[in-house]
């Protein structure tokens, strides 16, 4: 008679099949950090001016776009981490030189002046400034409006802002009516509900 603590080969295979899935899910939820606290502070100051909180809803920082950017630079986009960090340092140096303080220590109006100079490519000491600005903006948009599974779009702020109801596995005739807005379906495409 087998011992109740003995595992069969089948039990072991079934159990180990879920380990990689659990590990991937945990990594997507917590993930390694690519940025230091100081770099994160600069990034937040930057993206806060790209999509600020206003009367329409939360901005990029409140929606967690910086968390998405940090995770993507630590994971799938790790090859561009060094270049991105150089860009953040250059933005901070430019802010210090032209406005007298690091980007995060400037009021919103002065941050806007720094970002405008970078966006318009008038910051001569930042030859790759426009390229960095565009990349940071693209990552911010991904973090703001992407699936919350990846760290951004906290509380579905981005989806609610653009009235995207979320991915649905199926819809009925009532949900397809043109005279009514669809009710939000606050679930990730991964099937997880986030708040």
N, C-alpha and C. Protein backbone atom coordinates (compact mmCIF):
# COMPACT_ATOMS: atom_id res chain seq x y z
N UNK A 1 0.85 -1.18 0.00
CA UNK A 1 0.00 0.00 0.00
C UNK A 1 0.89 1.24 0.00
N UNK A 2 0.67 2.22 -0.94
CA UNK A 2 1.54 3.38 -1.01
C UNK A 2 1.32 4.32 0.18
N UNK A 3 2.41 4.95 0.57
CA UNK A 3 2.37 5.95 1.64
C UNK A 3 1.62 7.18 1.12
N UNK A 4 0.82 7.82 1.99
CA UNK A 4 0.05 8.98 1.56
C UNK A 4 0.93 10.17 1.19
N UNK A 5 2.20 10.15 1.60
CA UNK A 5 3.13 11.24 1.29
C UNK A 5 3.93 10.96 0.02
N UNK A 6 3.80 9.76 -0.55
CA UNK A 6 4.51 9.43 -1.78
C UNK A 6 3.86 10.16 -2.94
N UNK A 7 4.70 10.77 -3.77
CA UNK A 7 4.22 11.44 -4.97
C UNK A 7 4.39 10.50 -6.15
N UNK A 8 3.40 10.43 -6.97
CA UNK A 8 3.55 9.65 -8.19
C UNK A 8 4.27 10.51 -9.20
N UNK A 9 4.78 9.89 -10.22
CA UNK A 9 5.46 10.63 -11.29
C UNK A 9 4.50 11.61 -11.94
N UNK A 10 3.27 11.17 -12.13
CA UNK A 10 2.25 12.03 -12.74
C UNK A 10 1.99 13.27 -11.88
N UNK A 11 1.84 13.08 -10.55
CA UNK A 11 1.62 14.21 -9.64
C UNK A 11 2.76 15.22 -9.74
N UNK A 12 3.98 14.72 -9.81
CA UNK A 12 5.15 15.59 -9.89
C UNK A 12 5.15 16.38 -11.18
N UNK A 13 4.86 15.72 -12.30
CA UNK A 13 4.83 16.41 -13.58
C UNK A 13 3.73 17.47 -13.63
N UNK A 14 2.58 17.15 -13.10
CA UNK A 14 1.47 18.12 -13.08
C UNK A 14 1.86 19.32 -12.23
N UNK A 15 2.44 19.06 -11.07
CA UNK A 15 2.81 20.16 -10.17
C UNK A 15 3.88 21.04 -10.77
N UNK A 16 4.88 20.47 -11.42
CA UNK A 16 5.97 21.28 -11.98
C UNK A 16 5.55 22.02 -13.23
N UNK A 17 4.50 21.61 -13.88
CA UNK A 17 4.03 22.32 -15.06
C UNK A 17 3.58 23.72 -14.72
N UNK A 18 3.13 23.92 -13.49
CA UNK A 18 2.63 25.23 -13.10
C UNK A 18 3.70 26.14 -12.52
N UNK A 19 4.87 25.64 -12.23
CA UNK A 19 5.94 26.46 -11.66
C UNK A 19 6.37 27.58 -12.60
N UNK A 20 6.70 27.29 -13.88
CA UNK A 20 7.10 28.38 -14.76
C UNK A 20 6.00 29.43 -14.92
N UNK A 21 4.75 29.00 -15.03
CA UNK A 21 3.64 29.94 -15.16
C UNK A 21 3.54 30.82 -13.93
N UNK A 22 3.65 30.25 -12.76
CA UNK A 22 3.60 31.02 -11.52
C UNK A 22 4.78 31.97 -11.43
N UNK A 23 5.96 31.50 -11.85
CA UNK A 23 7.15 32.36 -11.80
C UNK A 23 7.02 33.53 -12.75
N UNK A 24 6.49 33.28 -13.95
CA UNK A 24 6.30 34.37 -14.91
C UNK A 24 5.28 35.37 -14.40
N UNK A 25 4.20 34.89 -13.83
CA UNK A 25 3.17 35.77 -13.29
C UNK A 25 3.73 36.60 -12.16
N UNK A 26 4.49 36.00 -11.26
CA UNK A 26 5.08 36.74 -10.15
C UNK A 26 6.06 37.78 -10.66
N UNK A 27 6.85 37.44 -11.68
CA UNK A 27 7.81 38.40 -12.22
C UNK A 27 7.09 39.58 -12.86
N UNK A 28 5.99 39.33 -13.53
CA UNK A 28 5.25 40.42 -14.15
C UNK A 28 4.60 41.31 -13.10
N UNK A 29 4.25 40.75 -11.96
CA UNK A 29 3.59 41.52 -10.93
C UNK A 29 4.57 42.33 -10.09
N UNK A 30 5.72 41.77 -9.76
CA UNK A 30 6.66 42.48 -8.91
C UNK A 30 7.86 42.93 -9.72
N UNK A 31 8.48 42.05 -10.43
CA UNK A 31 9.55 42.37 -11.34
C UNK A 31 10.75 43.03 -10.69
N UNK A 32 11.92 42.88 -11.29
CA UNK A 32 13.11 43.56 -10.78
C UNK A 32 13.07 45.04 -11.13
N UNK A 33 13.71 45.83 -10.34
CA UNK A 33 13.75 47.28 -10.58
C UNK A 33 14.98 47.62 -11.41
N UNK A 34 14.79 48.40 -12.44
CA UNK A 34 15.90 48.84 -13.29
C UNK A 34 16.44 50.19 -12.86
N UNK A 35 15.61 50.98 -12.20
CA UNK A 35 15.98 52.35 -11.85
C UNK A 35 16.27 52.50 -10.36
N UNK A 36 17.19 53.40 -10.05
CA UNK A 36 17.44 53.74 -8.66
C UNK A 36 16.33 54.69 -8.20
N UNK A 37 16.28 54.97 -6.92
CA UNK A 37 15.26 55.88 -6.39
C UNK A 37 15.39 57.27 -7.03
N UNK A 38 16.61 57.74 -7.22
CA UNK A 38 16.83 59.05 -7.84
C UNK A 38 16.40 59.08 -9.29
N UNK A 39 16.72 58.02 -10.02
CA UNK A 39 16.31 57.94 -11.42
C UNK A 39 14.78 57.86 -11.54
N UNK A 40 14.17 57.13 -10.62
CA UNK A 40 12.71 57.03 -10.61
C UNK A 40 12.09 58.40 -10.35
N UNK A 41 12.68 59.16 -9.47
CA UNK A 41 12.17 60.50 -9.16
C UNK A 41 12.24 61.39 -10.40
N UNK A 42 13.33 61.31 -11.14
CA UNK A 42 13.47 62.10 -12.38
C UNK A 42 12.45 61.63 -13.41
N UNK A 43 12.31 60.32 -13.55
CA UNK A 43 11.34 59.78 -14.50
C UNK A 43 9.93 60.24 -14.16
N UNK A 44 9.57 60.18 -12.90
CA UNK A 44 8.23 60.62 -12.49
C UNK A 44 8.02 62.09 -12.80
N UNK A 45 9.04 62.92 -12.57
CA UNK A 45 8.92 64.35 -12.88
C UNK A 45 8.72 64.55 -14.38
N UNK A 46 9.37 63.74 -15.17
CA UNK A 46 9.28 63.82 -16.63
C UNK A 46 7.89 63.41 -17.11
N UNK A 47 7.45 62.22 -16.71
CA UNK A 47 6.18 61.72 -17.25
C UNK A 47 4.97 62.43 -16.65
N UNK A 48 5.16 63.03 -15.48
CA UNK A 48 4.07 63.79 -14.87
C UNK A 48 3.69 64.99 -15.73
N UNK A 49 4.64 65.52 -16.47
CA UNK A 49 4.35 66.66 -17.34
C UNK A 49 3.86 66.19 -18.71
N UNK A 50 4.14 64.96 -19.09
CA UNK A 50 3.62 64.44 -20.36
C UNK A 50 2.13 64.18 -20.26
N UNK A 51 1.72 63.52 -19.17
CA UNK A 51 0.29 63.25 -18.92
C UNK A 51 0.03 63.63 -17.46
N UNK A 52 -0.27 64.90 -17.22
CA UNK A 52 -0.52 65.33 -15.83
C UNK A 52 -1.92 64.97 -15.35
N UNK A 53 -2.07 64.86 -14.05
CA UNK A 53 -3.39 64.69 -13.47
C UNK A 53 -4.16 65.99 -13.69
N UNK A 54 -5.40 65.87 -14.13
CA UNK A 54 -6.23 67.06 -14.33
C UNK A 54 -7.68 66.71 -14.05
N UNK A 55 -8.59 67.57 -14.47
CA UNK A 55 -10.01 67.35 -14.19
C UNK A 55 -10.58 66.12 -14.91
N UNK A 56 -9.88 65.62 -15.91
CA UNK A 56 -10.34 64.44 -16.64
C UNK A 56 -9.97 63.13 -15.95
N UNK A 57 -8.97 63.19 -15.09
CA UNK A 57 -8.58 61.98 -14.39
C UNK A 57 -7.12 61.95 -14.00
N UNK A 58 -6.68 60.79 -13.53
CA UNK A 58 -5.30 60.63 -13.09
C UNK A 58 -4.30 60.78 -14.22
N UNK A 59 -3.11 61.21 -13.87
CA UNK A 59 -2.04 61.34 -14.84
C UNK A 59 -1.19 60.08 -14.89
N UNK A 60 -0.08 60.18 -15.61
CA UNK A 60 0.79 59.02 -15.82
C UNK A 60 1.37 58.47 -14.53
N UNK A 61 1.80 59.35 -13.63
CA UNK A 61 2.41 58.87 -12.39
C UNK A 61 1.37 58.17 -11.53
N UNK A 62 0.21 58.77 -11.39
CA UNK A 62 -0.85 58.17 -10.59
C UNK A 62 -1.31 56.83 -11.18
N UNK A 63 -1.23 56.73 -12.52
CA UNK A 63 -1.62 55.48 -13.18
C UNK A 63 -0.50 54.44 -13.18
N UNK A 64 0.67 54.81 -12.67
CA UNK A 64 1.77 53.84 -12.54
C UNK A 64 2.59 53.61 -13.79
N UNK A 65 2.59 54.57 -14.73
CA UNK A 65 3.38 54.40 -15.96
C UNK A 65 4.86 54.23 -15.64
N UNK A 66 5.34 54.86 -14.58
CA UNK A 66 6.75 54.73 -14.20
C UNK A 66 7.07 53.31 -13.77
N UNK A 67 6.12 52.62 -13.18
CA UNK A 67 6.33 51.23 -12.77
C UNK A 67 6.46 50.36 -14.02
N UNK A 68 5.61 50.60 -14.98
CA UNK A 68 5.70 49.87 -16.26
C UNK A 68 7.07 50.10 -16.90
N UNK A 69 7.50 51.35 -16.97
CA UNK A 69 8.79 51.67 -17.61
C UNK A 69 9.93 50.99 -16.87
N UNK A 70 9.90 51.04 -15.55
CA UNK A 70 10.94 50.39 -14.75
C UNK A 70 10.99 48.89 -15.05
N UNK A 71 9.84 48.26 -15.09
CA UNK A 71 9.79 46.81 -15.34
C UNK A 71 10.22 46.45 -16.75
N UNK A 72 9.82 47.24 -17.72
CA UNK A 72 10.17 46.92 -19.10
C UNK A 72 11.67 47.12 -19.32
N UNK A 73 12.28 48.09 -18.64
CA UNK A 73 13.72 48.29 -18.76
C UNK A 73 14.51 47.21 -18.02
N UNK A 74 13.89 46.59 -17.05
CA UNK A 74 14.54 45.49 -16.32
C UNK A 74 14.32 44.16 -17.03
N UNK A 75 13.36 44.11 -17.92
CA UNK A 75 13.01 42.84 -18.57
C UNK A 75 13.21 42.88 -20.07
N UNK A 76 12.10 42.94 -20.83
CA UNK A 76 12.18 42.78 -22.28
C UNK A 76 12.99 43.87 -23.00
N UNK A 77 13.09 45.06 -22.43
CA UNK A 77 13.83 46.15 -23.07
C UNK A 77 15.14 46.44 -22.34
N UNK A 78 15.69 45.45 -21.67
CA UNK A 78 16.93 45.65 -20.91
C UNK A 78 18.07 46.13 -21.79
N UNK A 79 18.04 45.80 -23.08
CA UNK A 79 19.09 46.25 -23.98
C UNK A 79 19.11 47.77 -24.17
N UNK A 80 18.04 48.45 -23.87
CA UNK A 80 18.02 49.92 -24.01
C UNK A 80 18.11 50.64 -22.67
N UNK A 81 18.30 49.88 -21.60
CA UNK A 81 18.36 50.48 -20.26
C UNK A 81 19.48 51.52 -20.14
N UNK A 82 20.69 51.19 -20.55
CA UNK A 82 21.82 52.11 -20.42
C UNK A 82 21.56 53.41 -21.18
N UNK A 83 21.06 53.31 -22.39
CA UNK A 83 20.77 54.51 -23.19
C UNK A 83 19.66 55.33 -22.54
N UNK A 84 18.65 54.68 -22.00
CA UNK A 84 17.55 55.39 -21.35
C UNK A 84 18.05 56.12 -20.11
N UNK A 85 18.89 55.45 -19.32
CA UNK A 85 19.43 56.08 -18.11
C UNK A 85 20.33 57.25 -18.46
N UNK A 86 21.10 57.14 -19.53
CA UNK A 86 21.91 58.28 -20.00
C UNK A 86 21.00 59.45 -20.35
N UNK A 87 19.88 59.16 -20.99
CA UNK A 87 18.92 60.21 -21.35
C UNK A 87 18.35 60.89 -20.12
N UNK A 88 17.99 60.11 -19.10
CA UNK A 88 17.48 60.70 -17.85
C UNK A 88 18.53 61.60 -17.20
N UNK A 89 19.79 61.13 -17.17
CA UNK A 89 20.87 61.93 -16.59
C UNK A 89 21.08 63.22 -17.37
N UNK A 90 21.02 63.13 -18.69
CA UNK A 90 21.20 64.32 -19.53
C UNK A 90 20.06 65.32 -19.31
N UNK A 91 18.85 64.83 -19.15
CA UNK A 91 17.71 65.72 -18.87
C UNK A 91 17.93 66.44 -17.54
N UNK A 92 18.36 65.69 -16.54
CA UNK A 92 18.62 66.29 -15.23
C UNK A 92 19.73 67.33 -15.30
N UNK A 93 20.81 67.02 -16.01
CA UNK A 93 21.92 67.96 -16.16
C UNK A 93 21.46 69.23 -16.89
N UNK A 94 20.65 69.05 -17.93
CA UNK A 94 20.13 70.21 -18.67
C UNK A 94 19.22 71.05 -17.78
N UNK A 95 18.37 70.42 -17.01
CA UNK A 95 17.49 71.15 -16.09
C UNK A 95 18.32 71.92 -15.06
N UNK A 96 19.34 71.28 -14.53
CA UNK A 96 20.22 71.92 -13.54
C UNK A 96 20.89 73.14 -14.15
N UNK A 97 21.42 73.00 -15.36
CA UNK A 97 22.15 74.09 -15.99
C UNK A 97 21.24 75.24 -16.40
N UNK A 98 20.07 74.94 -16.95
CA UNK A 98 19.21 76.00 -17.48
C UNK A 98 18.20 76.55 -16.47
N UNK A 99 17.78 75.71 -15.51
CA UNK A 99 16.74 76.14 -14.58
C UNK A 99 17.22 76.18 -13.12
N UNK A 100 18.44 75.71 -12.86
CA UNK A 100 19.02 75.83 -11.53
C UNK A 100 18.72 74.70 -10.55
N UNK A 101 18.09 73.64 -11.02
CA UNK A 101 17.77 72.52 -10.13
C UNK A 101 17.50 71.27 -10.96
N UNK A 102 17.62 70.09 -10.35
CA UNK A 102 17.24 68.87 -11.06
C UNK A 102 15.75 68.92 -11.44
N UNK A 103 15.39 68.17 -12.44
CA UNK A 103 14.03 68.21 -12.98
C UNK A 103 12.97 68.01 -11.89
N UNK A 104 13.18 67.04 -11.02
CA UNK A 104 12.18 66.73 -10.00
C UNK A 104 12.00 67.85 -8.98
N UNK A 105 12.98 68.73 -8.85
CA UNK A 105 12.90 69.82 -7.88
C UNK A 105 12.33 71.10 -8.48
N UNK A 106 11.99 71.07 -9.75
CA UNK A 106 11.46 72.26 -10.42
C UNK A 106 9.94 72.30 -10.34
N UNK A 107 9.37 73.51 -10.32
CA UNK A 107 7.91 73.60 -10.42
C UNK A 107 7.46 73.19 -11.84
N UNK A 108 6.20 72.91 -11.98
CA UNK A 108 5.65 72.41 -13.24
C UNK A 108 5.99 73.30 -14.43
N UNK A 109 5.93 74.61 -14.26
CA UNK A 109 6.18 75.53 -15.38
C UNK A 109 7.61 75.39 -15.89
N UNK A 110 8.56 75.24 -14.97
CA UNK A 110 9.97 75.11 -15.39
C UNK A 110 10.25 73.72 -15.96
N UNK A 111 9.58 72.72 -15.44
CA UNK A 111 9.71 71.39 -16.04
C UNK A 111 9.25 71.43 -17.49
N UNK A 112 8.14 72.14 -17.71
CA UNK A 112 7.61 72.26 -19.07
C UNK A 112 8.62 72.93 -20.00
N UNK A 113 9.33 73.94 -19.50
CA UNK A 113 10.35 74.62 -20.32
C UNK A 113 11.47 73.64 -20.71
N UNK A 114 11.89 72.85 -19.76
CA UNK A 114 12.94 71.86 -20.02
C UNK A 114 12.45 70.85 -21.06
N UNK A 115 11.27 70.29 -20.86
CA UNK A 115 10.76 69.28 -21.79
C UNK A 115 10.49 69.87 -23.17
N UNK A 116 10.04 71.11 -23.21
CA UNK A 116 9.78 71.75 -24.50
C UNK A 116 11.08 71.92 -25.29
N UNK A 117 12.14 72.33 -24.60
CA UNK A 117 13.43 72.49 -25.27
C UNK A 117 13.93 71.15 -25.81
N UNK A 118 13.72 70.09 -25.04
CA UNK A 118 14.16 68.77 -25.48
C UNK A 118 13.29 68.29 -26.65
N UNK A 119 11.99 68.48 -26.54
CA UNK A 119 11.07 68.05 -27.59
C UNK A 119 11.34 68.80 -28.90
N UNK A 120 11.61 70.09 -28.80
CA UNK A 120 11.85 70.90 -30.00
C UNK A 120 13.29 70.81 -30.48
N UNK A 121 14.11 70.02 -29.78
CA UNK A 121 15.51 69.79 -30.13
C UNK A 121 16.34 71.08 -30.10
N UNK A 122 16.00 71.99 -29.18
CA UNK A 122 16.76 73.23 -29.05
C UNK A 122 17.77 73.16 -27.91
N UNK A 123 17.83 72.06 -27.21
CA UNK A 123 18.82 71.86 -26.15
C UNK A 123 20.09 71.32 -26.81
N UNK A 124 21.03 72.21 -27.15
CA UNK A 124 22.22 71.83 -27.91
C UNK A 124 23.06 70.76 -27.22
N UNK A 125 23.12 70.78 -25.89
CA UNK A 125 23.96 69.80 -25.21
C UNK A 125 23.31 68.42 -25.14
N UNK A 126 22.11 68.30 -25.68
CA UNK A 126 21.43 67.00 -25.74
C UNK A 126 21.21 66.62 -27.21
N UNK A 127 22.27 66.16 -27.88
CA UNK A 127 22.13 65.85 -29.30
C UNK A 127 21.10 64.75 -29.58
N UNK A 128 20.91 63.85 -28.64
CA UNK A 128 19.91 62.78 -28.79
C UNK A 128 18.64 63.10 -28.00
N UNK A 129 18.48 64.36 -27.62
CA UNK A 129 17.36 64.75 -26.77
C UNK A 129 16.00 64.43 -27.34
N UNK A 130 15.79 64.75 -28.60
CA UNK A 130 14.49 64.50 -29.24
C UNK A 130 14.21 62.99 -29.30
N UNK A 131 15.24 62.20 -29.59
CA UNK A 131 15.08 60.75 -29.64
C UNK A 131 14.70 60.21 -28.26
N UNK A 132 15.38 60.69 -27.22
CA UNK A 132 15.06 60.25 -25.86
C UNK A 132 13.63 60.68 -25.49
N UNK A 133 13.28 61.92 -25.81
CA UNK A 133 11.94 62.43 -25.51
C UNK A 133 10.88 61.52 -26.14
N UNK A 134 11.06 61.19 -27.40
CA UNK A 134 10.08 60.34 -28.09
C UNK A 134 10.00 58.95 -27.48
N UNK A 135 11.16 58.39 -27.08
CA UNK A 135 11.14 57.06 -26.48
C UNK A 135 10.46 57.09 -25.12
N UNK A 136 10.77 58.11 -24.31
CA UNK A 136 10.15 58.23 -22.99
C UNK A 136 8.64 58.44 -23.14
N UNK A 137 8.24 59.23 -24.11
CA UNK A 137 6.81 59.46 -24.34
C UNK A 137 6.12 58.16 -24.76
N UNK A 138 6.76 57.41 -25.64
CA UNK A 138 6.17 56.15 -26.11
C UNK A 138 5.99 55.16 -24.94
N UNK A 139 7.02 55.04 -24.11
CA UNK A 139 6.92 54.14 -22.95
C UNK A 139 5.86 54.62 -21.96
N UNK A 140 5.73 55.94 -21.82
CA UNK A 140 4.71 56.50 -20.94
C UNK A 140 3.31 56.15 -21.44
N UNK A 141 3.11 56.28 -22.73
CA UNK A 141 1.80 55.93 -23.31
C UNK A 141 1.51 54.44 -23.15
N UNK A 142 2.53 53.61 -23.33
CA UNK A 142 2.34 52.17 -23.12
C UNK A 142 1.96 51.89 -21.67
N UNK A 143 2.63 52.57 -20.74
CA UNK A 143 2.33 52.37 -19.33
C UNK A 143 0.98 52.92 -18.91
N UNK A 144 0.57 53.99 -19.55
CA UNK A 144 -0.70 54.63 -19.21
C UNK A 144 -1.89 53.85 -19.77
N UNK A 145 -1.75 53.32 -20.98
CA UNK A 145 -2.90 52.73 -21.66
C UNK A 145 -2.78 51.23 -21.93
N UNK A 146 -1.67 50.62 -21.55
CA UNK A 146 -1.48 49.19 -21.76
C UNK A 146 -2.23 48.36 -20.73
N UNK A 147 -2.10 47.08 -20.84
CA UNK A 147 -2.75 46.16 -19.91
C UNK A 147 -2.14 46.33 -18.52
N UNK A 148 -2.95 46.46 -17.48
CA UNK A 148 -2.42 46.65 -16.13
C UNK A 148 -1.57 45.50 -15.63
N UNK A 149 -1.63 44.39 -16.28
CA UNK A 149 -0.82 43.23 -15.91
C UNK A 149 0.67 43.59 -15.87
N UNK A 150 1.08 44.54 -16.71
CA UNK A 150 2.49 44.88 -16.85
C UNK A 150 2.95 45.99 -15.91
N UNK A 151 2.09 46.46 -15.04
CA UNK A 151 2.51 47.42 -14.02
C UNK A 151 1.92 48.81 -14.14
N UNK A 152 1.52 49.23 -15.30
CA UNK A 152 0.92 50.55 -15.47
C UNK A 152 -0.60 50.46 -15.49
N UNK A 153 -1.23 51.57 -15.91
CA UNK A 153 -2.69 51.62 -16.02
C UNK A 153 -3.36 51.18 -14.72
N UNK A 154 -2.81 51.65 -13.61
CA UNK A 154 -3.33 51.29 -12.28
C UNK A 154 -4.78 51.73 -12.15
N UNK A 155 -5.57 50.85 -11.58
CA UNK A 155 -7.01 51.10 -11.42
C UNK A 155 -7.71 51.39 -12.75
N UNK A 156 -7.11 50.93 -13.84
CA UNK A 156 -7.68 51.12 -15.18
C UNK A 156 -7.85 52.59 -15.53
N UNK A 157 -6.99 53.44 -14.96
CA UNK A 157 -7.09 54.89 -15.17
C UNK A 157 -7.01 55.25 -16.64
N UNK A 158 -6.08 54.66 -17.37
CA UNK A 158 -5.93 54.97 -18.78
C UNK A 158 -7.11 54.49 -19.60
N UNK A 159 -7.55 53.27 -19.34
CA UNK A 159 -8.69 52.75 -20.09
C UNK A 159 -9.95 53.55 -19.80
N UNK A 160 -10.15 53.94 -18.54
CA UNK A 160 -11.32 54.75 -18.21
C UNK A 160 -11.23 56.13 -18.87
N UNK A 161 -10.02 56.68 -18.95
CA UNK A 161 -9.83 57.99 -19.56
C UNK A 161 -10.26 58.00 -21.03
N UNK A 162 -9.92 56.94 -21.75
CA UNK A 162 -10.29 56.89 -23.18
C UNK A 162 -11.57 56.08 -23.42
N UNK A 163 -12.22 55.70 -22.32
CA UNK A 163 -13.48 54.95 -22.36
C UNK A 163 -13.35 53.61 -23.08
N UNK A 164 -12.21 52.99 -22.89
CA UNK A 164 -12.02 51.64 -23.41
C UNK A 164 -12.57 50.68 -22.36
N UNK A 165 -13.56 49.88 -22.71
CA UNK A 165 -14.18 49.03 -21.70
C UNK A 165 -13.32 47.86 -21.24
N UNK A 166 -12.30 47.52 -21.99
CA UNK A 166 -11.45 46.39 -21.63
C UNK A 166 -11.73 45.21 -22.54
N UNK A 167 -10.79 44.27 -22.58
CA UNK A 167 -10.99 43.10 -23.44
C UNK A 167 -12.07 42.19 -22.88
N UNK A 168 -12.99 41.81 -23.71
CA UNK A 168 -14.08 40.94 -23.27
C UNK A 168 -14.01 39.63 -24.03
N UNK A 169 -14.22 38.54 -23.34
CA UNK A 169 -14.21 37.25 -24.03
C UNK A 169 -15.43 37.07 -24.94
N UNK A 170 -16.53 37.74 -24.60
CA UNK A 170 -17.74 37.64 -25.42
C UNK A 170 -18.64 38.83 -25.10
N UNK A 171 -19.48 39.20 -26.06
CA UNK A 171 -20.44 40.29 -25.85
C UNK A 171 -21.80 39.85 -26.35
N UNK A 172 -22.83 40.40 -25.74
CA UNK A 172 -24.18 40.08 -26.20
C UNK A 172 -24.72 41.28 -26.99
N UNK A 173 -25.92 41.16 -27.49
CA UNK A 173 -26.51 42.20 -28.32
C UNK A 173 -26.65 43.52 -27.56
N UNK A 174 -26.98 43.46 -26.28
CA UNK A 174 -27.15 44.68 -25.48
C UNK A 174 -25.83 45.45 -25.37
N UNK A 175 -24.73 44.74 -25.27
CA UNK A 175 -23.42 45.38 -25.16
C UNK A 175 -22.97 46.02 -26.47
N UNK A 176 -23.60 45.66 -27.57
CA UNK A 176 -23.21 46.18 -28.88
C UNK A 176 -24.06 47.35 -29.34
N UNK A 177 -24.98 47.79 -28.51
CA UNK A 177 -25.84 48.91 -28.88
C UNK A 177 -25.02 50.17 -29.10
N UNK A 178 -25.33 50.89 -30.14
CA UNK A 178 -24.60 52.11 -30.48
C UNK A 178 -25.05 53.32 -29.66
N UNK A 179 -26.22 53.25 -29.04
CA UNK A 179 -26.74 54.39 -28.30
C UNK A 179 -26.38 54.37 -26.81
N UNK A 180 -25.52 53.44 -26.41
CA UNK A 180 -25.12 53.35 -25.01
C UNK A 180 -23.63 53.02 -24.91
N UNK A 181 -22.99 53.66 -23.96
CA UNK A 181 -21.57 53.38 -23.73
C UNK A 181 -21.42 52.02 -23.05
N UNK A 182 -20.45 51.25 -23.45
CA UNK A 182 -20.27 49.94 -22.80
C UNK A 182 -19.79 50.10 -21.36
N UNK A 183 -20.25 49.25 -20.51
CA UNK A 183 -19.82 49.27 -19.11
C UNK A 183 -18.37 48.78 -19.03
N UNK A 184 -17.56 49.40 -18.18
CA UNK A 184 -16.18 48.95 -18.05
C UNK A 184 -16.09 47.50 -17.58
N UNK A 185 -15.16 46.80 -18.13
CA UNK A 185 -14.89 45.41 -17.77
C UNK A 185 -13.46 45.42 -17.23
N UNK A 186 -13.31 45.77 -15.99
CA UNK A 186 -11.99 45.97 -15.40
C UNK A 186 -11.27 44.66 -15.15
N UNK A 187 -10.82 44.07 -16.24
CA UNK A 187 -10.01 42.86 -16.16
C UNK A 187 -8.89 42.96 -17.18
N UNK A 188 -7.76 42.43 -16.80
CA UNK A 188 -6.62 42.35 -17.69
C UNK A 188 -6.93 41.31 -18.76
N UNK A 189 -6.24 41.41 -19.88
CA UNK A 189 -6.36 40.37 -20.90
C UNK A 189 -5.86 39.04 -20.36
N UNK A 190 -5.10 39.10 -19.27
CA UNK A 190 -4.60 37.90 -18.62
C UNK A 190 -5.66 37.30 -17.69
N UNK A 191 -6.83 37.93 -17.64
CA UNK A 191 -7.93 37.40 -16.84
C UNK A 191 -7.88 37.79 -15.38
N UNK A 192 -7.04 38.74 -15.04
CA UNK A 192 -6.89 39.15 -13.66
C UNK A 192 -7.58 40.48 -13.44
N UNK A 193 -8.22 40.62 -12.33
CA UNK A 193 -8.88 41.87 -11.99
C UNK A 193 -7.91 42.69 -11.15
N UNK A 194 -7.70 43.96 -11.52
CA UNK A 194 -6.79 44.85 -10.80
C UNK A 194 -7.54 46.02 -10.24
N UNK A 195 -7.01 46.57 -9.18
CA UNK A 195 -7.60 47.78 -8.60
C UNK A 195 -6.54 48.79 -8.33
